[in-house]
PDB file of N, CA and C in Angstrom:
ATOM      1  N   MET A   1      -0.798  28.816   9.815  1.00  0.00           N
ATOM      2  CA  MET A   1      -1.273  27.710  10.604  1.00  0.00           C
ATOM      3  C   MET A   1      -1.361  28.180  12.049  1.00  0.00           C
ATOM      4  N   VAL A   2      -2.516  27.909  12.645  1.00  0.00           N
ATOM      5  CA  VAL A   2      -2.746  28.326  14.018  1.00  0.00           C
ATOM      6  C   VAL A   2      -3.092  27.089  14.835  1.00  0.00           C
ATOM      7  N   LEU A   3      -2.370  26.886  15.926  1.00  0.00           N
ATOM      8  CA  LEU A   3      -2.621  25.750  16.802  1.00  0.00           C
ATOM      9  C   LEU A   3      -3.478  26.191  17.980  1.00  0.00           C
ATOM     10  N   TYR A   4      -4.510  25.398  18.249  1.00  0.00           N
ATOM     11  CA  TYR A   4      -5.399  25.616  19.386  1.00  0.00           C
ATOM     12  C   TYR A   4      -5.284  24.410  20.306  1.00  0.00           C
ATOM     13  N   PRO A   5      -5.709  24.548  21.552  1.00  0.00           N
ATOM     14  CA  PRO A   5      -5.704  23.373  22.439  1.00  0.00           C
ATOM     15  C   PRO A   5      -6.482  22.226  21.800  1.00  0.00           C
ATOM     16  N   PRO A   6      -6.085  20.995  22.094  1.00  0.00           N
ATOM     17  CA  PRO A   6      -6.783  19.847  21.496  1.00  0.00           C
ATOM     18  C   PRO A   6      -8.249  19.814  21.909  1.00  0.00           C
ATOM     19  N   ARG A   7      -9.092  19.446  20.939  1.00  0.00           N
ATOM     20  CA  ARG A   7     -10.519  19.283  21.210  1.00  0.00           C
ATOM     21  C   ARG A   7     -10.861  17.818  21.395  1.00  0.00           C
ATOM     22  N   LEU A   8     -10.020  16.943  20.853  1.00  0.00           N
ATOM     23  CA  LEU A   8     -10.254  15.505  20.923  1.00  0.00           C
ATOM     24  C   LEU A   8      -9.150  14.826  21.725  1.00  0.00           C
ATOM     25  N   THR A   9      -9.531  13.862  22.533  1.00  0.00           N
ATOM     26  CA  THR A   9      -8.555  13.077  23.281  1.00  0.00           C
ATOM     27  C   THR A   9      -7.644  12.349  22.304  1.00  0.00           C
ATOM     28  N   GLY A  10      -6.345  12.355  22.584  1.00  0.00           N
ATOM     29  CA  GLY A  10      -5.383  11.659  21.734  1.00  0.00           C
ATOM     30  C   GLY A  10      -4.778  12.526  20.640  1.00  0.00           C
ATOM     31  N   THR A  11      -5.189  13.784  20.559  1.00  0.00           N
ATOM     32  CA  THR A  11      -4.598  14.693  19.576  1.00  0.00           C
ATOM     33  C   THR A  11      -3.713  15.707  20.288  1.00  0.00           C
ATOM     34  N   GLU A  12      -2.747  16.229  19.571  1.00  0.00           N
ATOM     35  CA  GLU A  12      -1.840  17.233  20.130  1.00  0.00           C
ATOM     36  C   GLU A  12      -2.446  18.620  20.104  1.00  0.00           C
ATOM     37  N   ALA A  13      -3.226  18.902  19.053  1.00  0.00           N
ATOM     38  CA  ALA A  13      -3.783  20.242  18.883  1.00  0.00           C
ATOM     39  C   ALA A  13      -4.867  20.212  17.813  1.00  0.00           C
ATOM     40  N   PHE A  14      -5.694  21.229  17.833  1.00  0.00           N
ATOM     41  CA  PHE A  14      -6.611  21.498  16.729  1.00  0.00           C
ATOM     42  C   PHE A  14      -5.906  22.553  15.886  1.00  0.00           C
ATOM     43  N   VAL A  15      -5.730  22.282  14.605  1.00  0.00           N
ATOM     44  CA  VAL A  15      -4.965  23.166  13.731  1.00  0.00           C
ATOM     45  C   VAL A  15      -5.895  23.782  12.685  1.00  0.00           C
ATOM     46  N   ARG A  16      -5.859  25.105  12.592  1.00  0.00           N
ATOM     47  CA  ARG A  16      -6.575  25.803  11.517  1.00  0.00           C
ATOM     48  C   ARG A  16      -5.517  26.302  10.535  1.00  0.00           C
ATOM     49  N   ILE A  17      -5.794  26.094   9.262  1.00  0.00           N
ATOM     50  CA  ILE A  17      -4.819  26.374   8.214  1.00  0.00           C
ATOM     51  C   ILE A  17      -5.390  27.458   7.309  1.00  0.00           C
ATOM     52  N   TYR A  18      -4.646  28.531   7.151  1.00  0.00           N
ATOM     53  CA  TYR A  18      -5.112  29.657   6.348  1.00  0.00           C
ATOM     54  C   TYR A  18      -4.261  29.828   5.100  1.00  0.00           C
ATOM     55  N   ASN A  19      -4.918  30.102   3.992  1.00  0.00           N
ATOM     56  CA  ASN A  19      -4.240  30.416   2.734  1.00  0.00           C
ATOM     57  C   ASN A  19      -3.777  31.859   2.762  1.00  0.00           C
ATOM     58  N   ASN A  20      -2.961  32.216   1.798  1.00  0.00           N
ATOM     59  CA  ASN A  20      -2.431  33.566   1.685  1.00  0.00           C
ATOM     60  C   ASN A  20      -3.543  34.622   1.596  1.00  0.00           C
ATOM     61  N   ASP A  21      -4.670  34.271   0.987  1.00  0.00           N
ATOM     62  CA  ASP A  21      -5.767  35.235   0.828  1.00  0.00           C
ATOM     63  C   ASP A  21      -6.688  35.286   2.046  1.00  0.00           C
ATOM     64  N   GLY A  22      -6.364  34.534   3.089  1.00  0.00           N
ATOM     65  CA  GLY A  22      -7.171  34.549   4.310  1.00  0.00           C
ATOM     66  C   GLY A  22      -8.226  33.458   4.361  1.00  0.00           C
ATOM     67  N   SER A  23      -8.473  32.779   3.249  1.00  0.00           N
ATOM     68  CA  SER A  23      -9.443  31.690   3.268  1.00  0.00           C
ATOM     69  C   SER A  23      -8.840  30.503   4.032  1.00  0.00           C
ATOM     70  N   GLU A  24      -9.709  29.633   4.501  1.00  0.00           N
ATOM     71  CA  GLU A  24      -9.240  28.510   5.295  1.00  0.00           C
ATOM     72  C   GLU A  24      -9.129  27.249   4.438  1.00  0.00           C
ATOM     73  N   ALA A  25      -8.050  26.520   4.642  1.00  0.00           N
ATOM     74  CA  ALA A  25      -7.834  25.241   3.962  1.00  0.00           C
ATOM     75  C   ALA A  25      -8.081  24.123   4.966  1.00  0.00           C
ATOM     76  N   GLY A  26      -8.449  22.964   4.470  1.00  0.00           N
ATOM     77  CA  GLY A  26      -8.694  21.834   5.348  1.00  0.00           C
ATOM     78  C   GLY A  26      -7.418  21.169   5.825  1.00  0.00           C
ATOM     79  N   ALA A  27      -6.411  21.122   4.959  1.00  0.00           N
ATOM     80  CA  ALA A  27      -5.164  20.450   5.294  1.00  0.00           C
ATOM     81  C   ALA A  27      -4.039  20.961   4.417  1.00  0.00           C
ATOM     82  N   CYS A  28      -2.820  20.800   4.905  1.00  0.00           N
ATOM     83  CA  CYS A  28      -1.628  21.193   4.156  1.00  0.00           C
ATOM     84  C   CYS A  28      -0.483  20.295   4.622  1.00  0.00           C
ATOM     85  N   GLY A  29      -0.058  19.389   3.754  1.00  0.00           N
ATOM     86  CA  GLY A  29       0.973  18.431   4.129  1.00  0.00           C
ATOM     87  C   GLY A  29       2.284  19.061   4.553  1.00  0.00           C
ATOM     88  N   ASN A  30       2.790  19.997   3.771  1.00  0.00           N
ATOM     89  CA  ASN A  30       4.070  20.619   4.117  1.00  0.00           C
ATOM     90  C   ASN A  30       3.951  21.460   5.381  1.00  0.00           C
ATOM     91  N   GLY A  31       2.847  22.154   5.544  1.00  0.00           N
ATOM     92  CA  GLY A  31       2.627  22.932   6.766  1.00  0.00           C
ATOM     93  C   GLY A  31       2.573  22.027   7.989  1.00  0.00           C
ATOM     94  N   MET A  32       1.903  20.872   7.841  1.00  0.00           N
ATOM     95  CA  MET A  32       1.819  19.938   8.960  1.00  0.00           C
ATOM     96  C   MET A  32       3.195  19.367   9.302  1.00  0.00           C
ATOM     97  N   ARG A  33       4.049  19.180   8.300  1.00  0.00           N
ATOM     98  CA  ARG A  33       5.412  18.710   8.580  1.00  0.00           C
ATOM     99  C   ARG A  33       6.160  19.732   9.442  1.00  0.00           C
ATOM    100  N   CYS A  34       5.970  20.996   9.145  1.00  0.00           N
ATOM    101  CA  CYS A  34       6.634  22.047   9.927  1.00  0.00           C
ATOM    102  C   CYS A  34       6.126  22.057  11.362  1.00  0.00           C
ATOM    103  N   VAL A  35       4.805  22.007  11.524  1.00  0.00           N
ATOM    104  CA  VAL A  35       4.213  21.983  12.860  1.00  0.00           C
ATOM    105  C   VAL A  35       4.675  20.732  13.604  1.00  0.00           C
ATOM    106  N   ALA A  36       4.621  19.593  12.935  1.00  0.00           N
ATOM    107  CA  ALA A  36       5.023  18.339  13.574  1.00  0.00           C
ATOM    108  C   ALA A  36       6.483  18.386  14.000  1.00  0.00           C
ATOM    109  N   ASP A  37       7.362  18.927  13.163  1.00  0.00           N
ATOM    110  CA  ASP A  37       8.780  18.991  13.515  1.00  0.00           C
ATOM    111  C   ASP A  37       8.985  19.779  14.803  1.00  0.00           C
ATOM    112  N   LEU A  38       8.277  20.889  14.929  1.00  0.00           N
ATOM    113  CA  LEU A  38       8.392  21.684  16.159  1.00  0.00           C
ATOM    114  C   LEU A  38       7.930  20.886  17.373  1.00  0.00           C
ATOM    115  N   LEU A  39       6.810  20.192  17.232  1.00  0.00           N
ATOM    116  CA  LEU A  39       6.283  19.429  18.363  1.00  0.00           C
ATOM    117  C   LEU A  39       7.068  18.145  18.626  1.00  0.00           C
ATOM    118  N   PHE A  40       7.666  17.552  17.589  1.00  0.00           N
ATOM    119  CA  PHE A  40       8.551  16.411  17.825  1.00  0.00           C
ATOM    120  C   PHE A  40       9.685  16.841  18.748  1.00  0.00           C
ATOM    121  N   LYS A  41      10.279  17.992  18.457  1.00  0.00           N
ATOM    122  CA  LYS A  41      11.386  18.511  19.269  1.00  0.00           C
ATOM    123  C   LYS A  41      10.910  18.862  20.676  1.00  0.00           C
ATOM    124  N   GLU A  42       9.744  19.473  20.773  1.00  0.00           N
ATOM    125  CA  GLU A  42       9.224  19.946  22.060  1.00  0.00           C
ATOM    126  C   GLU A  42       8.771  18.791  22.964  1.00  0.00           C
ATOM    127  N   THR A  43       8.139  17.777  22.379  1.00  0.00           N
ATOM    128  CA  THR A  43       7.557  16.703  23.185  1.00  0.00           C
ATOM    129  C   THR A  43       8.430  15.469  23.278  1.00  0.00           C
ATOM    130  N   GLY A  44       9.347  15.285  22.308  1.00  0.00           N
ATOM    131  CA  GLY A  44      10.158  14.077  22.274  1.00  0.00           C
ATOM    132  C   GLY A  44       9.408  12.875  21.726  1.00  0.00           C
ATOM    133  N   LYS A  45       8.167  13.058  21.295  1.00  0.00           N
ATOM    134  CA  LYS A  45       7.368  11.957  20.746  1.00  0.00           C
ATOM    135  C   LYS A  45       7.818  11.636  19.328  1.00  0.00           C
ATOM    136  N   GLY A  46       7.546  10.404  18.890  1.00  0.00           N
ATOM    137  CA  GLY A  46       7.883   9.982  17.539  1.00  0.00           C
ATOM    138  C   GLY A  46       6.687   9.981  16.604  1.00  0.00           C
ATOM    139  N   SER A  47       5.479  10.123  17.170  1.00  0.00           N
ATOM    140  CA  SER A  47       4.280  10.213  16.338  1.00  0.00           C
ATOM    141  C   SER A  47       3.304  11.179  16.990  1.00  0.00           C
ATOM    142  N   LEU A  48       2.560  11.870  16.152  1.00  0.00           N
ATOM    143  CA  LEU A  48       1.617  12.892  16.614  1.00  0.00           C
ATOM    144  C   LEU A  48       0.345  12.813  15.788  1.00  0.00           C
ATOM    145  N   THR A  49      -0.767  13.192  16.389  1.00  0.00           N
ATOM    146  CA  THR A  49      -2.036  13.279  15.675  1.00  0.00           C
ATOM    147  C   THR A  49      -2.613  14.664  15.898  1.00  0.00           C
ATOM    148  N   PHE A  50      -3.044  15.287  14.808  1.00  0.00           N
ATOM    149  CA  PHE A  50      -3.638  16.618  14.869  1.00  0.00           C
ATOM    150  C   PHE A  50      -5.054  16.561  14.319  1.00  0.00           C
ATOM    151  N   GLU A  51      -5.906  17.416  14.834  1.00  0.00           N
ATOM    152  CA  GLU A  51      -7.245  17.571  14.287  1.00  0.00           C
ATOM    153  C   GLU A  51      -7.255  18.801  13.395  1.00  0.00           C
ATOM    154  N   THR A  52      -7.824  18.678  12.204  1.00  0.00           N
ATOM    155  CA  THR A  52      -8.009  19.809  11.295  1.00  0.00           C
ATOM    156  C   THR A  52      -9.462  19.798  10.826  1.00  0.00           C
ATOM    157  N   THR A  53      -9.861  20.796  10.083  1.00  0.00           N
ATOM    158  CA  THR A  53     -11.225  20.804   9.553  1.00  0.00           C
ATOM    159  C   THR A  53     -11.421  19.688   8.528  1.00  0.00           C
ATOM    160  N   ALA A  54     -10.323  19.133   7.996  1.00  0.00           N
ATOM    161  CA  ALA A  54     -10.406  18.021   7.051  1.00  0.00           C
ATOM    162  C   ALA A  54     -10.425  16.670   7.762  1.00  0.00           C
ATOM    163  N   GLY A  55     -10.217  16.662   9.060  1.00  0.00           N
ATOM    164  CA  GLY A  55     -10.189  15.419   9.819  1.00  0.00           C
ATOM    165  C   GLY A  55      -8.879  15.270  10.571  1.00  0.00           C
ATOM    166  N   LEU A  56      -8.592  14.054  10.995  1.00  0.00           N
ATOM    167  CA  LEU A  56      -7.370  13.780  11.744  1.00  0.00           C
ATOM    168  C   LEU A  56      -6.198  13.573  10.796  1.00  0.00           C
ATOM    169  N   ILE A  57      -5.064  14.125  11.176  1.00  0.00           N
ATOM    170  CA  ILE A  57      -3.838  13.978  10.389  1.00  0.00           C
ATOM    171  C   ILE A  57      -2.771  13.388  11.302  1.00  0.00           C
ATOM    172  N   ASN A  58      -2.227  12.244  10.890  1.00  0.00           N
ATOM    173  CA  ASN A  58      -1.180  11.572  11.658  1.00  0.00           C
ATOM    174  C   ASN A  58       0.183  11.888  11.067  1.00  0.00           C
ATOM    175  N   CYS A  59       1.158  12.091  11.954  1.00  0.00           N
ATOM    176  CA  CYS A  59       2.528  12.423  11.542  1.00  0.00           C
ATOM    177  C   CYS A  59       3.497  11.510  12.282  1.00  0.00           C
ATOM    178  N   TRP A  60       4.558  11.069  11.578  1.00  0.00           N
ATOM    179  CA  TRP A  60       5.584  10.226  12.171  1.00  0.00           C
ATOM    180  C   TRP A  60       6.944  10.831  11.898  1.00  0.00           C
ATOM    181  N   GLN A  61       7.809  10.727  12.895  1.00  0.00           N
ATOM    182  CA  GLN A  61       9.172  11.226  12.745  1.00  0.00           C
ATOM    183  C   GLN A  61      10.039  10.126  12.151  1.00  0.00           C
ATOM    184  N   ASP A  62      10.909  10.510  11.229  1.00  0.00           N
ATOM    185  CA  ASP A  62      11.790   9.578  10.548  1.00  0.00           C
ATOM    186  C   ASP A  62      13.041   9.301  11.379  1.00  0.00           C
ATOM    187  N   GLY A  63      13.432  10.210  12.221  1.00  0.00           N
ATOM    188  CA  GLY A  63      14.668  10.053  12.989  1.00  0.00           C
ATOM    189  C   GLY A  63      15.765  10.960  12.487  1.00  0.00           C
ATOM    190  N   ARG A  64      15.643  11.408  11.242  1.00  0.00           N
ATOM    191  CA  ARG A  64      16.600  12.363  10.690  1.00  0.00           C
ATOM    192  C   ARG A  64      16.012  13.763  10.829  1.00  0.00           C
ATOM    193  N   PRO A  65      16.826  14.780  11.004  1.00  0.00           N
ATOM    194  CA  PRO A  65      16.302  16.140  11.147  1.00  0.00           C
ATOM    195  C   PRO A  65      15.413  16.538   9.967  1.00  0.00           C
ATOM    196  N   LEU A  66      14.297  17.127  10.266  1.00  0.00           N
ATOM    197  CA  LEU A  66      13.332  17.646   9.290  1.00  0.00           C
ATOM    198  C   LEU A  66      12.782  16.567   8.353  1.00  0.00           C
ATOM    199  N   MET A  67      12.838  15.307   8.763  1.00  0.00           N
ATOM    200  CA  MET A  67      12.283  14.222   7.950  1.00  0.00           C
ATOM    201  C   MET A  67      11.103  13.618   8.704  1.00  0.00           C
ATOM    202  N   SER A  68       9.936  13.758   8.120  1.00  0.00           N
ATOM    203  CA  SER A  68       8.745  13.206   8.741  1.00  0.00           C
ATOM    204  C   SER A  68       7.762  12.775   7.670  1.00  0.00           C
ATOM    205  N   THR A  69       6.786  11.987   8.095  1.00  0.00           N
ATOM    206  CA  THR A  69       5.733  11.508   7.202  1.00  0.00           C
ATOM    207  C   THR A  69       4.413  12.067   7.696  1.00  0.00           C
ATOM    208  N   VAL A  70       3.600  12.532   6.775  1.00  0.00           N
ATOM    209  CA  VAL A  70       2.272  13.033   7.110  1.00  0.00           C
ATOM    210  C   VAL A  70       1.262  12.240   6.298  1.00  0.00           C
ATOM    211  N   ASP A  71       0.326  11.598   6.986  1.00  0.00           N
ATOM    212  CA  ASP A  71      -0.729  10.843   6.317  1.00  0.00           C
ATOM    213  C   ASP A  71      -1.880  11.801   6.044  1.00  0.00           C
ATOM    214  N   MET A  72      -2.039  12.172   4.785  1.00  0.00           N
ATOM    215  CA  MET A  72      -3.093  13.103   4.392  1.00  0.00           C
ATOM    216  C   MET A  72      -4.398  12.374   4.074  1.00  0.00           C
ATOM    217  N   GLY A  73      -4.396  11.063   4.195  1.00  0.00           N
ATOM    218  CA  GLY A  73      -5.594  10.296   3.881  1.00  0.00           C
ATOM    219  C   GLY A  73      -5.710  10.053   2.389  1.00  0.00           C
ATOM    220  N   ALA A  74      -6.753   9.369   2.013  1.00  0.00           N
ATOM    221  CA  ALA A  74      -6.978   9.065   0.594  1.00  0.00           C
ATOM    222  C   ALA A  74      -7.356  10.345  -0.145  1.00  0.00           C
ATOM    223  N   PRO A  75      -6.834  10.526  -1.360  1.00  0.00           N
ATOM    224  CA  PRO A  75      -7.226  11.717  -2.130  1.00  0.00           C
ATOM    225  C   PRO A  75      -8.701  11.653  -2.488  1.00  0.00           C
ATOM    226  N   ARG A  76      -9.314  12.823  -2.569  1.00  0.00           N
ATOM    227  CA  ARG A  76     -10.733  12.907  -2.923  1.00  0.00           C
ATOM    228  C   ARG A  76     -10.849  13.700  -4.215  1.00  0.00           C
ATOM    229  N   PHE A  77     -11.437  13.072  -5.226  1.00  0.00           N
ATOM    230  CA  PHE A  77     -11.530  13.690  -6.539  1.00  0.00           C
ATOM    231  C   PHE A  77     -12.961  13.992  -6.970  1.00  0.00           C
ATOM    232  N   GLY A  78     -13.937  13.674  -6.159  1.00  0.00           N
ATOM    233  CA  GLY A  78     -15.327  13.930  -6.525  1.00  0.00           C
ATOM    234  C   GLY A  78     -15.608  15.424  -6.580  1.00  0.00           C
ATOM    235  N   TRP A  79     -16.478  15.834  -7.492  1.00  0.00           N
ATOM    236  CA  TRP A  79     -16.790  17.265  -7.631  1.00  0.00           C
ATOM    237  C   TRP A  79     -17.261  17.857  -6.317  1.00  0.00           C
ATOM    238  N   LYS A  80     -18.027  17.103  -5.538  1.00  0.00           N
ATOM    239  CA  LYS A  80     -18.544  17.629  -4.277  1.00  0.00           C
ATOM    240  C   LYS A  80     -17.432  17.805  -3.239  1.00  0.00           C
ATOM    241  N   ASP A  81     -16.282  17.163  -3.455  1.00  0.00           N
ATOM    242  CA  ASP A  81     -15.169  17.231  -2.514  1.00  0.00           C
ATOM    243  C   ASP A  81     -14.153  18.319  -2.843  1.00  0.00           C
ATOM    244  N   ILE A  82     -14.284  18.945  -4.000  1.00  0.00           N
ATOM    245  CA  ILE A  82     -13.311  19.954  -4.439  1.00  0.00           C
ATOM    246  C   ILE A  82     -13.929  21.332  -4.247  1.00  0.00           C
ATOM    247  N   PRO A  83     -13.338  22.147  -3.364  1.00  0.00           N
ATOM    248  CA  PRO A  83     -13.927  23.473  -3.144  1.00  0.00           C
ATOM    249  C   PRO A  83     -13.718  24.373  -4.367  1.00  0.00           C
ATOM    250  N   LEU A  84     -14.795  24.981  -4.821  1.00  0.00           N
ATOM    251  CA  LEU A  84     -14.759  25.880  -5.965  1.00  0.00           C
ATOM    252  C   LEU A  84     -15.286  27.249  -5.550  1.00  0.00           C
ATOM    253  N   ALA A  85     -14.847  28.285  -6.236  1.00  0.00           N
ATOM    254  CA  ALA A  85     -15.301  29.643  -5.934  1.00  0.00           C
ATOM    255  C   ALA A  85     -16.771  29.833  -6.282  1.00  0.00           C
ATOM    256  N   GLU A  86     -17.258  29.065  -7.245  1.00  0.00           N
ATOM    257  CA  GLU A  86     -18.663  29.164  -7.632  1.00  0.00           C
ATOM    258  C   GLU A  86     -19.122  27.795  -8.119  1.00  0.00           C
ATOM    259  N   ALA A  87     -20.416  27.611  -8.207  1.00  0.00           N
ATOM    260  CA  ALA A  87     -20.965  26.331  -8.631  1.00  0.00           C
ATOM    261  C   ALA A  87     -20.496  25.986 -10.040  1.00  0.00           C
ATOM    262  N   PHE A  88     -20.218  24.713 -10.273  1.00  0.00           N
ATOM    263  CA  PHE A  88     -19.775  24.243 -11.575  1.00  0.00           C
ATOM    264  C   PHE A  88     -20.948  23.568 -12.272  1.00  0.00           C
ATOM    265  N   ARG A  89     -21.221  24.002 -13.473  1.00  0.00           N
ATOM    266  CA  ARG A  89     -22.287  23.393 -14.270  1.00  0.00           C
ATOM    267  C   ARG A  89     -21.640  22.789 -15.495  1.00  0.00           C
ATOM    268  N   ASP A  90     -21.624  21.479 -15.567  1.00  0.00           N
ATOM    269  CA  ASP A  90     -20.987  20.761 -16.666  1.00  0.00           C
ATOM    270  C   ASP A  90     -21.936  20.739 -17.859  1.00  0.00           C
ATOM    271  N   THR A  91     -21.573  21.446 -18.926  1.00  0.00           N
ATOM    272  CA  THR A  91     -22.430  21.520 -20.112  1.00  0.00           C
ATOM    273  C   THR A  91     -21.826  20.778 -21.302  1.00  0.00           C
ATOM    274  N   ARG A  92     -20.752  20.035 -21.067  1.00  0.00           N
ATOM    275  CA  ARG A  92     -20.104  19.325 -22.172  1.00  0.00           C
ATOM    276  C   ARG A  92     -20.970  18.175 -22.672  1.00  0.00           C
ATOM    277  N   ASP A  93     -20.873  17.919 -23.954  1.00  0.00           N
ATOM    278  CA  ASP A  93     -21.502  16.754 -24.564  1.00  0.00           C
ATOM    279  C   ASP A  93     -20.547  15.591 -24.364  1.00  0.00           C
ATOM    280  N   ARG A  94     -20.933  14.604 -23.589  1.00  0.00           N
ATOM    281  CA  ARG A  94     -20.041  13.493 -23.241  1.00  0.00           C
ATOM    282  C   ARG A  94     -19.551  12.726 -24.461  1.00  0.00           C
ATOM    283  N   ALA A  95     -20.361  12.555 -25.475  1.00  0.00           N
ATOM    284  CA  ALA A  95     -19.915  11.847 -26.685  1.00  0.00           C
ATOM    285  C   ALA A  95     -18.786  12.630 -27.346  1.00  0.00           C
ATOM    286  N   ALA A  96     -18.932  13.936 -27.429  1.00  0.00           N
ATOM    287  CA  ALA A  96     -17.883  14.767 -28.024  1.00  0.00           C
ATOM    288  C   ALA A  96     -16.630  14.739 -27.162  1.00  0.00           C
ATOM    289  N   ASP A  97     -16.812  14.713 -25.843  1.00  0.00           N
ATOM    290  CA  ASP A  97     -15.680  14.671 -24.928  1.00  0.00           C
ATOM    291  C   ASP A  97     -14.871  13.390 -25.148  1.00  0.00           C
ATOM    292  N   ARG A  98     -15.542  12.267 -25.312  1.00  0.00           N
ATOM    293  CA  ARG A  98     -14.834  11.001 -25.552  1.00  0.00           C
ATOM    294  C   ARG A  98     -14.101  11.035 -26.887  1.00  0.00           C
ATOM    295  N   ALA A  99     -14.699  11.633 -27.896  1.00  0.00           N
ATOM    296  CA  ALA A  99     -14.056  11.704 -29.211  1.00  0.00           C
ATOM    297  C   ALA A  99     -12.784  12.538 -29.151  1.00  0.00           C
ATOM    298  N   ASP A 100     -12.757  13.552 -28.282  1.00  0.00           N
ATOM    299  CA  ASP A 100     -11.572  14.400 -28.160  1.00  0.00           C
ATOM    300  C   ASP A 100     -10.411  13.689 -27.476  1.00  0.00           C
ATOM    301  N   ARG A 101     -10.647  12.536 -26.902  1.00  0.00           N
ATOM    302  CA  ARG A 101      -9.590  11.823 -26.189  1.00  0.00           C
ATOM    303  C   ARG A 101      -8.853  10.826 -27.066  1.00  0.00           C
ATOM    304  N   ARG A 102      -9.176  10.766 -28.348  1.00  0.00           N
ATOM    305  CA  ARG A 102      -8.483   9.823 -29.220  1.00  0.00           C
ATOM    306  C   ARG A 102      -7.013  10.234 -29.334  1.00  0.00           C
ATOM    307  N   PRO A 103      -6.127   9.281 -29.591  1.00  0.00           N
ATOM    308  CA  PRO A 103      -4.701   9.606 -29.680  1.00  0.00           C
ATOM    309  C   PRO A 103      -4.444  10.688 -30.730  1.00  0.00           C
ATOM    310  N   HIS A 104      -3.514  11.537 -30.440  1.00  0.00           N
ATOM    311  CA  HIS A 104      -3.146  12.591 -31.379  1.00  0.00           C
ATOM    312  C   HIS A 104      -1.640  12.771 -31.362  1.00  0.00           C
ATOM    313  N   PRO A 105      -1.074  13.366 -32.395  1.00  0.00           N
ATOM    314  CA  PRO A 105       0.383  13.560 -32.438  1.00  0.00           C
ATOM    315  C   PRO A 105       0.870  14.380 -31.250  1.00  0.00           C
ATOM    316  N   ALA A 106       2.077  14.086 -30.827  1.00  0.00           N
ATOM    317  CA  ALA A 106       2.627  14.742 -29.652  1.00  0.00           C
ATOM    318  C   ALA A 106       3.097  16.171 -29.933  1.00  0.00           C
ATOM    319  N   PHE A 107       3.459  16.482 -31.172  1.00  0.00           N
ATOM    320  CA  PHE A 107       3.948  17.828 -31.459  1.00  0.00           C
ATOM    321  C   PHE A 107       3.803  18.138 -32.946  1.00  0.00           C
ATOM    322  N   ALA A 108       3.968  19.412 -33.268  1.00  0.00           N
ATOM    323  CA  ALA A 108       3.949  19.827 -34.667  1.00  0.00           C
ATOM    324  C   ALA A 108       5.058  20.843 -34.867  1.00  0.00           C
ATOM    325  N   VAL A 109       5.866  20.644 -35.901  1.00  0.00           N
ATOM    326  CA  VAL A 109       6.937  21.571 -36.238  1.00  0.00           C
ATOM    327  C   VAL A 109       6.834  21.876 -37.719  1.00  0.00           C
ATOM    328  N   GLY A 110       6.758  23.137 -38.051  1.00  0.00           N
ATOM    329  CA  GLY A 110       6.670  23.537 -39.448  1.00  0.00           C
ATOM    330  C   GLY A 110       5.495  22.890 -40.171  1.00  0.00           C
ATOM    331  N   GLY A 111       4.401  22.692 -39.446  1.00  0.00           N
ATOM    332  CA  GLY A 111       3.219  22.097 -40.054  1.00  0.00           C
ATOM    333  C   GLY A 111       3.245  20.588 -40.121  1.00  0.00           C
ATOM    334  N   GLN A 112       4.380  19.968 -39.771  1.00  0.00           N
ATOM    335  CA  GLN A 112       4.502  18.509 -39.799  1.00  0.00           C
ATOM    336  C   GLN A 112       4.253  17.960 -38.389  1.00  0.00           C
ATOM    337  N   HIS A 113       3.376  16.985 -38.284  1.00  0.00           N
ATOM    338  CA  HIS A 113       3.080  16.363 -36.999  1.00  0.00           C
ATOM    339  C   HIS A 113       3.909  15.106 -36.841  1.00  0.00           C
ATOM    340  N   GLY A 114       4.267  14.804 -35.615  1.00  0.00           N
ATOM    341  CA  GLY A 114       5.027  13.590 -35.379  1.00  0.00           C
ATOM    342  C   GLY A 114       4.929  13.135 -33.943  1.00  0.00           C
ATOM    343  N   GLN A 115       5.445  11.966 -33.689  1.00  0.00           N
ATOM    344  CA  GLN A 115       5.552  11.430 -32.346  1.00  0.00           C
ATOM    345  C   GLN A 115       7.026  11.194 -32.070  1.00  0.00           C
ATOM    346  N   PRO A 116       7.591  11.823 -31.022  1.00  0.00           N
ATOM    347  CA  PRO A 116       9.037  11.807 -30.806  1.00  0.00           C
ATOM    348  C   PRO A 116       9.684  10.435 -30.869  1.00  0.00           C
ATOM    349  N   ALA A 117       9.186   9.456 -30.108  1.00  0.00           N
ATOM    350  CA  ALA A 117       9.850   8.145 -30.081  1.00  0.00           C
ATOM    351  C   ALA A 117       9.804   7.499 -31.464  1.00  0.00           C
ATOM    352  N   ARG A 118       8.678   7.589 -32.128  1.00  0.00           N
ATOM    353  CA  ARG A 118       8.527   6.972 -33.447  1.00  0.00           C
ATOM    354  C   ARG A 118       9.467   7.638 -34.444  1.00  0.00           C
ATOM    355  N   ASP A 119       9.553   8.968 -34.424  1.00  0.00           N
ATOM    356  CA  ASP A 119      10.402   9.676 -35.381  1.00  0.00           C
ATOM    357  C   ASP A 119      11.878   9.439 -35.098  1.00  0.00           C
ATOM    358  N   LEU A 120      12.284   9.427 -33.819  1.00  0.00           N
ATOM    359  CA  LEU A 120      13.687   9.228 -33.484  1.00  0.00           C
ATOM    360  C   LEU A 120      14.160   7.820 -33.762  1.00  0.00           C
ATOM    361  N   LEU A 121      13.281   6.858 -33.579  1.00  0.00           N
ATOM    362  CA  LEU A 121      13.657   5.460 -33.782  1.00  0.00           C
ATOM    363  C   LEU A 121      13.405   4.992 -35.203  1.00  0.00           C
ATOM    364  N   GLY A 122      12.831   5.877 -36.028  1.00  0.00           N
ATOM    365  CA  GLY A 122      12.553   5.528 -37.410  1.00  0.00           C
ATOM    366  C   GLY A 122      11.453   4.496 -37.568  1.00  0.00           C
ATOM    367  N   ARG A 123      10.542   4.449 -36.634  1.00  0.00           N
ATOM    368  CA  ARG A 123       9.452   3.451 -36.708  1.00  0.00           C
ATOM    369  C   ARG A 123       8.144   4.123 -37.021  1.00  0.00           C
TER     370      ARG A 123
END
């Protein structure tokens, strides 16, 4: 995590977050907690806002050492929102996909299938 001078009024810093392989991440909750803890101690503030490539991240101090809250925003699950190494082409047959979701036994032992709660309770 690299902190740069703030680019936006009302933020403490612009933060760039790097993965182990050198690629850049948009946000990292635990990393932001570490950065926020340092700045809580340095500034005496109880809340901080940082700018990242993923947007603004707000942090609040709990009052206990190393206890803080980081608002990462609403999770995004759309395919266009998930970074992939290469384009994803969905070739599944949706009807077959739905059929594969029907209930199935939880485990098999010695060729016998069962469901733990049902087998343990004798139901």
